[in-house]
Amino acid sequence: MLLPGKSVQHSQGAAAQIFADLAPRSAIEWLLAIDVAESSWEIQRYRLLRHKLLDIYRQKAIEAALRRIDLVGIGSECQDEAEYYTLQNALSWRIDPIATSEIETRLAAYGFDQHAISTEVYVQAREVLVLFEGLLNAAQTKRMLLLREIRNQRFLSGPISRSRL
């Protein structure tokens, strides 16, 4: 499965590079090499999705910081409208470079620097990050086991096979 913005040609090119590096010598090695390529793509997908997710959580952290600044002292009759504008400002922060600069300057004036925002991001995203870490570790372990199996296949079918001894 390709993610949006990824091309079949890019996927096939990366798989071809993996096949060239592994140089499979048998049908079993080809099957293992295909699995190595798929595991490598899984790892790339997980990393890309984790990055995109952190972007979303960064916007949520900006929202939270803006709420702490902009919603203080707002009467309950104006709360919904103020919340709406806070959400719009956070969206503008994400898509408009000028708004980004203005909002970050305003946040910094209230003590919300990039470190504070990043801390908020990681606090909000901690459970999802643990999930992605598990997925990445599992895919990396699978890939390493597959590579080890290719090595074992080559050892068993080396120049002088054990069955020929």
C-alpha atoms as a PDB file:
ATOM      1  CA  MET A   1       0.000   0.000   0.000  1.00  0.00           C
ATOM      2  CA  LEU A   2       1.406   3.367  -0.996  1.00  0.00           C
ATOM      3  CA  LEU A   3       0.809   6.494   1.013  1.00  0.00           C
ATOM      4  CA  PRO A   4      -0.432   9.664  -0.684  1.00  0.00           C
ATOM      5  CA  GLY A   5       2.407  11.392  -2.479  1.00  0.00           C
ATOM      6  CA  LYS A   6       4.391   8.189  -3.016  1.00  0.00           C
ATOM      7  CA  SER A   7       4.773   6.725  -6.490  1.00  0.00           C
ATOM      8  CA  VAL A   8       4.813   3.130  -7.659  1.00  0.00           C
ATOM      9  CA  GLN A   9       8.058   3.905  -9.506  1.00  0.00           C
ATOM     10  CA  HIS A  10       9.707   5.069  -6.277  1.00  0.00           C
ATOM     11  CA  SER A  11       8.538   1.913  -4.518  1.00  0.00           C
ATOM     12  CA  GLN A  12       9.748  -0.317  -7.319  1.00  0.00           C
ATOM     13  CA  GLY A  13      13.059   1.542  -7.498  1.00  0.00           C
ATOM     14  CA  ALA A  14      13.687   1.056  -3.789  1.00  0.00           C
ATOM     15  CA  ALA A  15      12.761  -2.627  -4.038  1.00  0.00           C
ATOM     16  CA  ALA A  16      15.120  -3.005  -7.010  1.00  0.00           C
ATOM     17  CA  GLN A  17      17.953  -1.487  -4.960  1.00  0.00           C
ATOM     18  CA  ILE A  18      17.254  -3.896  -2.101  1.00  0.00           C
ATOM     19  CA  PHE A  19      17.204  -6.836  -4.543  1.00  0.00           C
ATOM     20  CA  ALA A  20      20.483  -5.643  -6.076  1.00  0.00           C
ATOM     21  CA  ASP A  21      22.089  -5.393  -2.635  1.00  0.00           C
ATOM     22  CA  LEU A  22      20.827  -8.795  -1.509  1.00  0.00           C
ATOM     23  CA  ALA A  23      21.384 -10.495  -4.885  1.00  0.00           C
ATOM     24  CA  PRO A  24      19.033 -13.421  -4.174  1.00  0.00           C
ATOM     25  CA  ARG A  25      20.354 -16.736  -5.521  1.00  0.00           C
ATOM     26  CA  SER A  26      17.353 -19.011  -5.082  1.00  0.00           C
ATOM     27  CA  ALA A  27      13.575 -18.942  -4.985  1.00  0.00           C
ATOM     28  CA  ILE A  28      13.647 -18.984  -1.178  1.00  0.00           C
ATOM     29  CA  GLU A  29      16.073 -16.065  -1.115  1.00  0.00           C
ATOM     30  CA  TRP A  30      13.822 -14.166  -3.541  1.00  0.00           C
ATOM     31  CA  LEU A  31      10.832 -14.676  -1.248  1.00  0.00           C
ATOM     32  CA  LEU A  32      12.888 -13.515   1.717  1.00  0.00           C
ATOM     33  CA  ALA A  33      14.192 -10.511  -0.254  1.00  0.00           C
ATOM     34  CA  ILE A  34      10.625  -9.517  -1.147  1.00  0.00           C
ATOM     35  CA  ASP A  35       9.745  -9.654   2.544  1.00  0.00           C
ATOM     36  CA  VAL A  36      12.814  -7.525   3.365  1.00  0.00           C
ATOM     37  CA  ALA A  37      11.662  -4.920   0.812  1.00  0.00           C
ATOM     38  CA  GLU A  38       8.125  -4.931   2.233  1.00  0.00           C
ATOM     39  CA  SER A  39       9.434  -4.598   5.795  1.00  0.00           C
ATOM     40  CA  SER A  40      11.600  -1.687   4.682  1.00  0.00           C
ATOM     41  CA  TRP A  41       8.546   0.025   3.190  1.00  0.00           C
ATOM     42  CA  GLU A  42       6.596  -0.590   6.402  1.00  0.00           C
ATOM     43  CA  ILE A  43       9.345   1.123   8.345  1.00  0.00           C
ATOM     44  CA  GLN A  44       9.278   4.108   5.980  1.00  0.00           C
ATOM     45  CA  ARG A  45       5.475   4.307   6.195  1.00  0.00           C
ATOM     46  CA  TYR A  46       5.531   4.186  10.001  1.00  0.00           C
ATOM     47  CA  ARG A  47       8.148   6.940  10.137  1.00  0.00           C
ATOM     48  CA  LEU A  48       6.213   9.127   7.710  1.00  0.00           C
ATOM     49  CA  LEU A  49       2.937   8.578   9.562  1.00  0.00           C
ATOM     50  CA  ARG A  50       4.622   9.314  12.903  1.00  0.00           C
ATOM     51  CA  HIS A  51       5.988  12.567  11.461  1.00  0.00           C
ATOM     52  CA  LYS A  52       2.565  13.584  10.100  1.00  0.00           C
ATOM     53  CA  LEU A  53       0.987  12.709  13.418  1.00  0.00           C
ATOM     54  CA  LEU A  54       3.480  14.907  15.262  1.00  0.00           C
ATOM     55  CA  ASP A  55       2.519  17.775  12.919  1.00  0.00           C
ATOM     56  CA  ILE A  56      -1.124  17.323  13.925  1.00  0.00           C
ATOM     57  CA  TYR A  57      -0.215  17.197  17.613  1.00  0.00           C
ATOM     58  CA  ARG A  58       1.923  20.329  17.188  1.00  0.00           C
ATOM     59  CA  GLN A  59      -1.156  22.153  15.904  1.00  0.00           C
ATOM     60  CA  LYS A  60      -3.097  20.859  18.919  1.00  0.00           C
ATOM     61  CA  ALA A  61      -0.305  22.092  21.207  1.00  0.00           C
ATOM     62  CA  ILE A  62      -0.516  25.524  19.577  1.00  0.00           C
ATOM     63  CA  GLU A  63      -4.288  25.430  20.173  1.00  0.00           C
ATOM     64  CA  ALA A  64      -3.740  24.567  23.841  1.00  0.00           C
ATOM     65  CA  ALA A  65      -1.211  27.385  24.291  1.00  0.00           C
ATOM     66  CA  LEU A  66      -3.494  29.882  22.542  1.00  0.00           C
ATOM     67  CA  ARG A  67      -6.373  28.818  24.814  1.00  0.00           C
ATOM     68  CA  ARG A  68      -4.222  29.534  27.867  1.00  0.00           C
ATOM     69  CA  ILE A  69      -3.578  33.034  26.541  1.00  0.00           C
ATOM     70  CA  ASP A  70      -6.730  34.011  24.672  1.00  0.00           C
ATOM     71  CA  LEU A  71      -9.504  32.424  26.691  1.00  0.00           C
ATOM     72  CA  VAL A  72      -8.486  33.782  30.083  1.00  0.00           C
ATOM     73  CA  GLY A  73     -11.204  36.070  31.376  1.00  0.00           C
ATOM     74  CA  ILE A  74     -13.638  35.342  28.522  1.00  0.00           C
ATOM     75  CA  GLY A  75     -17.214  35.206  29.745  1.00  0.00           C
ATOM     76  CA  SER A  76     -19.217  32.023  29.254  1.00  0.00           C
ATOM     77  CA  GLU A  77     -21.483  33.785  26.729  1.00  0.00           C
ATOM     78  CA  CYS A  78     -18.464  34.359  24.421  1.00  0.00           C
ATOM     79  CA  GLN A  79     -16.632  31.100  25.143  1.00  0.00           C
ATOM     80  CA  ASP A  80     -17.826  29.244  22.015  1.00  0.00           C
ATOM     81  CA  GLU A  81     -16.949  32.088  19.680  1.00  0.00           C
ATOM     82  CA  ALA A  82     -13.545  32.582  21.317  1.00  0.00           C
ATOM     83  CA  GLU A  83     -12.878  28.819  21.038  1.00  0.00           C
ATOM     84  CA  TYR A  84     -13.782  28.966  17.334  1.00  0.00           C
ATOM     85  CA  TYR A  85     -11.267  31.769  16.735  1.00  0.00           C
ATOM     86  CA  THR A  86      -8.610  29.925  18.707  1.00  0.00           C
ATOM     87  CA  LEU A  87      -9.066  26.880  16.457  1.00  0.00           C
ATOM     88  CA  GLN A  88      -8.916  29.102  13.375  1.00  0.00           C
ATOM     89  CA  ASN A  89      -5.718  30.745  14.622  1.00  0.00           C
ATOM     90  CA  ALA A  90      -4.105  27.343  15.191  1.00  0.00           C
ATOM     91  CA  LEU A  91      -5.073  26.301  11.665  1.00  0.00           C
ATOM     92  CA  SER A  92      -3.678  29.563  10.297  1.00  0.00           C
ATOM     93  CA  TRP A  93      -0.463  28.852  12.230  1.00  0.00           C
ATOM     94  CA  ARG A  94      -0.182  25.577  10.337  1.00  0.00           C
ATOM     95  CA  ILE A  95      -0.853  26.840   6.809  1.00  0.00           C
ATOM     96  CA  ASP A  96       0.100  30.541   6.711  1.00  0.00           C
ATOM     97  CA  PRO A  97       3.783  31.453   7.230  1.00  0.00           C
ATOM     98  CA  ILE A  98       2.927  35.031   8.213  1.00  0.00           C
ATOM     99  CA  ALA A  99       0.372  33.863  10.786  1.00  0.00           C
ATOM    100  CA  THR A 100       2.911  31.294  11.995  1.00  0.00           C
ATOM    101  CA  SER A 101       5.467  34.004  12.706  1.00  0.00           C
ATOM    102  CA  GLU A 102       2.939  36.291  14.415  1.00  0.00           C
ATOM    103  CA  ILE A 103       1.459  33.513  16.577  1.00  0.00           C
ATOM    104  CA  GLU A 104       4.863  32.161  17.590  1.00  0.00           C
ATOM    105  CA  THR A 105       6.015  35.665  18.541  1.00  0.00           C
ATOM    106  CA  ARG A 106       2.868  36.164  20.626  1.00  0.00           C
ATOM    107  CA  LEU A 107       3.235  32.755  22.268  1.00  0.00           C
ATOM    108  CA  ALA A 108       6.905  33.455  23.044  1.00  0.00           C
ATOM    109  CA  ALA A 109       5.900  36.713  24.744  1.00  0.00           C
ATOM    110  CA  TYR A 110       3.849  34.600  27.142  1.00  0.00           C
ATOM    111  CA  GLY A 111       6.637  32.074  27.714  1.00  0.00           C
ATOM    112  CA  PHE A 112       5.584  29.448  25.167  1.00  0.00           C
ATOM    113  CA  ASP A 113       8.806  28.898  23.230  1.00  0.00           C
ATOM    114  CA  GLN A 114       9.443  25.978  20.844  1.00  0.00           C
ATOM    115  CA  HIS A 115      10.655  23.798  23.724  1.00  0.00           C
ATOM    116  CA  ALA A 116       7.426  24.353  25.638  1.00  0.00           C
ATOM    117  CA  ILE A 117       5.361  23.580  22.543  1.00  0.00           C
ATOM    118  CA  SER A 118       7.417  20.442  21.812  1.00  0.00           C
ATOM    119  CA  THR A 119       6.938  19.269  25.387  1.00  0.00           C
ATOM    120  CA  GLU A 120       3.191  19.699  24.986  1.00  0.00           C
ATOM    121  CA  VAL A 121       3.315  17.762  21.706  1.00  0.00           C
ATOM    122  CA  TYR A 122       5.084  14.805  23.308  1.00  0.00           C
ATOM    123  CA  VAL A 123       2.815  14.836  26.360  1.00  0.00           C
ATOM    124  CA  GLN A 124      -0.279  14.740  24.137  1.00  0.00           C
ATOM    125  CA  ALA A 125       1.133  12.169  21.695  1.00  0.00           C
ATOM    126  CA  ARG A 126       2.911   9.875  24.168  1.00  0.00           C
ATOM    127  CA  GLU A 127       0.547   6.906  23.803  1.00  0.00           C
ATOM    128  CA  VAL A 128       0.531   7.075  20.021  1.00  0.00           C
ATOM    129  CA  LEU A 129       4.310   7.449  19.952  1.00  0.00           C
ATOM    130  CA  VAL A 130       4.642   4.302  22.050  1.00  0.00           C
ATOM    131  CA  LEU A 131       2.415   2.516  19.527  1.00  0.00           C
ATOM    132  CA  PHE A 132       4.576   3.676  16.610  1.00  0.00           C
ATOM    133  CA  GLU A 133       7.750   2.743  18.469  1.00  0.00           C
ATOM    134  CA  GLY A 134       6.378  -0.771  18.882  1.00  0.00           C
ATOM    135  CA  LEU A 135       5.417  -0.975  15.210  1.00  0.00           C
ATOM    136  CA  LEU A 136       8.838   0.285  14.113  1.00  0.00           C
ATOM    137  CA  ASN A 137      10.681  -2.093  16.424  1.00  0.00           C
ATOM    138  CA  ALA A 138       8.606  -5.047  15.237  1.00  0.00           C
ATOM    139  CA  ALA A 139       9.204  -4.215  11.562  1.00  0.00           C
ATOM    140  CA  GLN A 140      12.936  -3.682  12.152  1.00  0.00           C
ATOM    141  CA  THR A 141      13.195  -6.964  14.050  1.00  0.00           C
ATOM    142  CA  LYS A 142      11.357  -8.752  11.262  1.00  0.00           C
ATOM    143  CA  ARG A 143      13.702  -7.255   8.677  1.00  0.00           C
ATOM    144  CA  MET A 144      16.784  -8.276  10.669  1.00  0.00           C
ATOM    145  CA  LEU A 145      15.449 -11.830  11.045  1.00  0.00           C
ATOM    146  CA  LEU A 146      14.802 -12.009   7.313  1.00  0.00           C
ATOM    147  CA  LEU A 147      18.314 -10.800   6.543  1.00  0.00           C
ATOM    148  CA  ARG A 148      19.711 -13.355   8.982  1.00  0.00           C
ATOM    149  CA  GLU A 149      17.652 -16.064   7.267  1.00  0.00           C
ATOM    150  CA  ILE A 150      19.084 -15.076   3.875  1.00  0.00           C
ATOM    151  CA  ARG A 151      22.571 -15.347   5.371  1.00  0.00           C
ATOM    152  CA  ASN A 152      21.693 -18.773   6.803  1.00  0.00           C
ATOM    153  CA  GLN A 153      20.343 -19.913   3.434  1.00  0.00           C
ATOM    154  CA  ARG A 154      23.618 -18.916   1.810  1.00  0.00           C
ATOM    155  CA  PHE A 155      25.659 -20.668   4.456  1.00  0.00           C
ATOM    156  CA  LEU A 156      23.664 -23.881   3.968  1.00  0.00           C
ATOM    157  CA  SER A 157      23.892 -23.753   0.181  1.00  0.00           C
ATOM    158  CA  GLY A 158      27.422 -22.333   0.002  1.00  0.00           C
ATOM    159  CA  PRO A 159      30.133 -23.569  -2.373  1.00  0.00           C
ATOM    160  CA  ILE A 160      30.361 -26.881  -0.523  1.00  0.00           C
ATOM    161  CA  SER A 161      26.922 -27.751   0.715  1.00  0.00           C
ATOM    162  CA  ARG A 162      26.658 -29.604   3.979  1.00  0.00           C
ATOM    163  CA  SER A 163      24.506 -32.209   2.233  1.00  0.00           C
ATOM    164  CA  ARG A 164      27.373 -32.898  -0.212  1.00  0.00           C
ATOM    165  CA  LEU A 165      29.828 -33.663   2.600  1.00  0.00           C
END
